[in-house]
């Protein structure tokens, strides 16, 4: 199995409460509130977009990869049985 690795860049921005950034002309991320330990963000985006917290996304990716590996192993075992 070959996994592609894509280089990702990170842009750092400074925003104050009620200031926004726009992504792809149709996604707005607005700073709603800043407290000592938290930043509350508001997101406006089209229904066709999927928005997940990073920890949820990472867990889903890990589970998907584990399922794919298990499927590959199962397929290999199944093919070994047919060869015998």
C-alpha atoms as a PDB file:
ATOM      1  CA  UNK A   1       0.000   0.000   0.000  1.00  0.00           C
ATOM      2  CA  UNK A   2       1.338   3.440  -0.943  1.00  0.00           C
ATOM      3  CA  UNK A   3       0.210   6.562   0.858  1.00  0.00           C
ATOM      4  CA  UNK A   4       0.733   9.953  -0.758  1.00  0.00           C
ATOM      5  CA  UNK A   5       2.201  12.679   1.406  1.00  0.00           C
ATOM      6  CA  UNK A   6       1.163  16.213   0.613  1.00  0.00           C
ATOM      7  CA  UNK A   7       3.173  19.209   1.797  1.00  0.00           C
ATOM      8  CA  UNK A   8       1.009  21.589   3.802  1.00  0.00           C
ATOM      9  CA  UNK A   9       1.773  25.192   4.621  1.00  0.00           C
ATOM     10  CA  UNK A  10       0.469  27.168   7.576  1.00  0.00           C
ATOM     11  CA  UNK A  11      -0.430  30.838   7.397  1.00  0.00           C
ATOM     12  CA  UNK A  12      -0.410  32.743  10.692  1.00  0.00           C
ATOM     13  CA  UNK A  13      -2.834  35.643  11.058  1.00  0.00           C
ATOM     14  CA  UNK A  14      -3.627  38.019  13.882  1.00  0.00           C
ATOM     15  CA  UNK A  15      -7.312  38.860  14.338  1.00  0.00           C
ATOM     16  CA  UNK A  16      -9.251  40.753  16.973  1.00  0.00           C
ATOM     17  CA  UNK A  17     -12.786  39.972  18.140  1.00  0.00           C
ATOM     18  CA  UNK A  18     -15.360  40.547  15.379  1.00  0.00           C
ATOM     19  CA  UNK A  19     -12.653  40.357  12.672  1.00  0.00           C
ATOM     20  CA  UNK A  20     -12.800  37.628  10.031  1.00  0.00           C
ATOM     21  CA  UNK A  21     -10.851  35.823   7.391  1.00  0.00           C
ATOM     22  CA  UNK A  22     -12.284  34.506   4.126  1.00  0.00           C
ATOM     23  CA  UNK A  23     -11.175  31.208   2.565  1.00  0.00           C
ATOM     24  CA  UNK A  24     -11.974  30.222  -1.035  1.00  0.00           C
ATOM     25  CA  UNK A  25     -14.397  33.156  -1.404  1.00  0.00           C
ATOM     26  CA  UNK A  26     -17.142  31.255   0.439  1.00  0.00           C
ATOM     27  CA  UNK A  27     -15.878  30.305   3.899  1.00  0.00           C
ATOM     28  CA  UNK A  28     -15.725  32.900   6.649  1.00  0.00           C
ATOM     29  CA  UNK A  29     -14.019  32.354   9.995  1.00  0.00           C
ATOM     30  CA  UNK A  30     -14.834  35.071  12.504  1.00  0.00           C
ATOM     31  CA  UNK A  31     -13.313  35.630  15.938  1.00  0.00           C
ATOM     32  CA  UNK A  32     -16.296  35.837  18.282  1.00  0.00           C
ATOM     33  CA  UNK A  33     -14.628  35.977  21.678  1.00  0.00           C
ATOM     34  CA  UNK A  34     -11.180  35.698  23.204  1.00  0.00           C
ATOM     35  CA  UNK A  35     -10.705  34.672  26.825  1.00  0.00           C
ATOM     36  CA  UNK A  36      -7.603  33.777  28.748  1.00  0.00           C
ATOM     37  CA  UNK A  37      -7.451  30.165  27.529  1.00  0.00           C
ATOM     38  CA  UNK A  38      -9.985  29.983  24.686  1.00  0.00           C
ATOM     39  CA  UNK A  39     -10.838  31.515  21.367  1.00  0.00           C
ATOM     40  CA  UNK A  40     -14.447  31.215  20.214  1.00  0.00           C
ATOM     41  CA  UNK A  41     -14.756  31.129  16.427  1.00  0.00           C
ATOM     42  CA  UNK A  42     -17.790  31.423  14.207  1.00  0.00           C
ATOM     43  CA  UNK A  43     -17.764  29.693  10.830  1.00  0.00           C
ATOM     44  CA  UNK A  44     -19.961  30.412   7.831  1.00  0.00           C
ATOM     45  CA  UNK A  45     -19.653  27.894   5.011  1.00  0.00           C
ATOM     46  CA  UNK A  46     -21.672  26.232   2.239  1.00  0.00           C
ATOM     47  CA  UNK A  47     -23.606  23.036   2.952  1.00  0.00           C
ATOM     48  CA  UNK A  48     -21.248  21.179   0.609  1.00  0.00           C
ATOM     49  CA  UNK A  49     -18.342  21.709   3.038  1.00  0.00           C
ATOM     50  CA  UNK A  50     -17.467  19.379   5.859  1.00  0.00           C
ATOM     51  CA  UNK A  51     -16.165  20.965   9.064  1.00  0.00           C
ATOM     52  CA  UNK A  52     -14.679  18.828  11.822  1.00  0.00           C
ATOM     53  CA  UNK A  53     -12.577  19.505  14.879  1.00  0.00           C
ATOM     54  CA  UNK A  54      -9.007  18.347  14.176  1.00  0.00           C
ATOM     55  CA  UNK A  55      -9.056  15.654  16.881  1.00  0.00           C
ATOM     56  CA  UNK A  56     -12.255  14.175  15.394  1.00  0.00           C
ATOM     57  CA  UNK A  57     -10.811  14.300  11.873  1.00  0.00           C
ATOM     58  CA  UNK A  58      -7.567  12.626  13.013  1.00  0.00           C
ATOM     59  CA  UNK A  59      -9.496   9.861  14.805  1.00  0.00           C
ATOM     60  CA  UNK A  60     -11.630   9.226  11.711  1.00  0.00           C
ATOM     61  CA  UNK A  61      -8.551   9.075   9.476  1.00  0.00           C
ATOM     62  CA  UNK A  62      -6.876   6.596  11.868  1.00  0.00           C
ATOM     63  CA  UNK A  63      -9.994   4.398  12.002  1.00  0.00           C
ATOM     64  CA  UNK A  64     -10.332   4.482   8.210  1.00  0.00           C
ATOM     65  CA  UNK A  65      -6.694   3.488   7.764  1.00  0.00           C
ATOM     66  CA  UNK A  66      -7.031   0.659  10.292  1.00  0.00           C
ATOM     67  CA  UNK A  67     -10.149  -0.598   8.486  1.00  0.00           C
ATOM     68  CA  UNK A  68      -8.334  -0.470   5.144  1.00  0.00           C
ATOM     69  CA  UNK A  69      -5.363  -2.396   6.512  1.00  0.00           C
ATOM     70  CA  UNK A  70      -7.683  -4.988   8.094  1.00  0.00           C
ATOM     71  CA  UNK A  71      -9.532  -5.336   4.778  1.00  0.00           C
ATOM     72  CA  UNK A  72      -6.237  -5.807   2.895  1.00  0.00           C
ATOM     73  CA  UNK A  73      -5.128  -8.486   5.369  1.00  0.00           C
ATOM     74  CA  UNK A  74      -8.526 -10.200   5.079  1.00  0.00           C
ATOM     75  CA  UNK A  75      -8.311 -10.115   1.271  1.00  0.00           C
ATOM     76  CA  UNK A  76      -4.778 -11.536   1.356  1.00  0.00           C
ATOM     77  CA  UNK A  77      -5.900 -14.355   3.675  1.00  0.00           C
ATOM     78  CA  UNK A  78      -8.855 -15.054   1.406  1.00  0.00           C
ATOM     79  CA  UNK A  79      -6.611 -15.230  -1.661  1.00  0.00           C
ATOM     80  CA  UNK A  80      -4.178 -17.542   0.152  1.00  0.00           C
ATOM     81  CA  UNK A  81      -7.047 -19.961   0.854  1.00  0.00           C
ATOM     82  CA  UNK A  82      -8.007 -20.027  -2.833  1.00  0.00           C
ATOM     83  CA  UNK A  83      -4.454 -20.802  -3.932  1.00  0.00           C
ATOM     84  CA  UNK A  84      -4.170 -23.877  -1.693  1.00  0.00           C
END
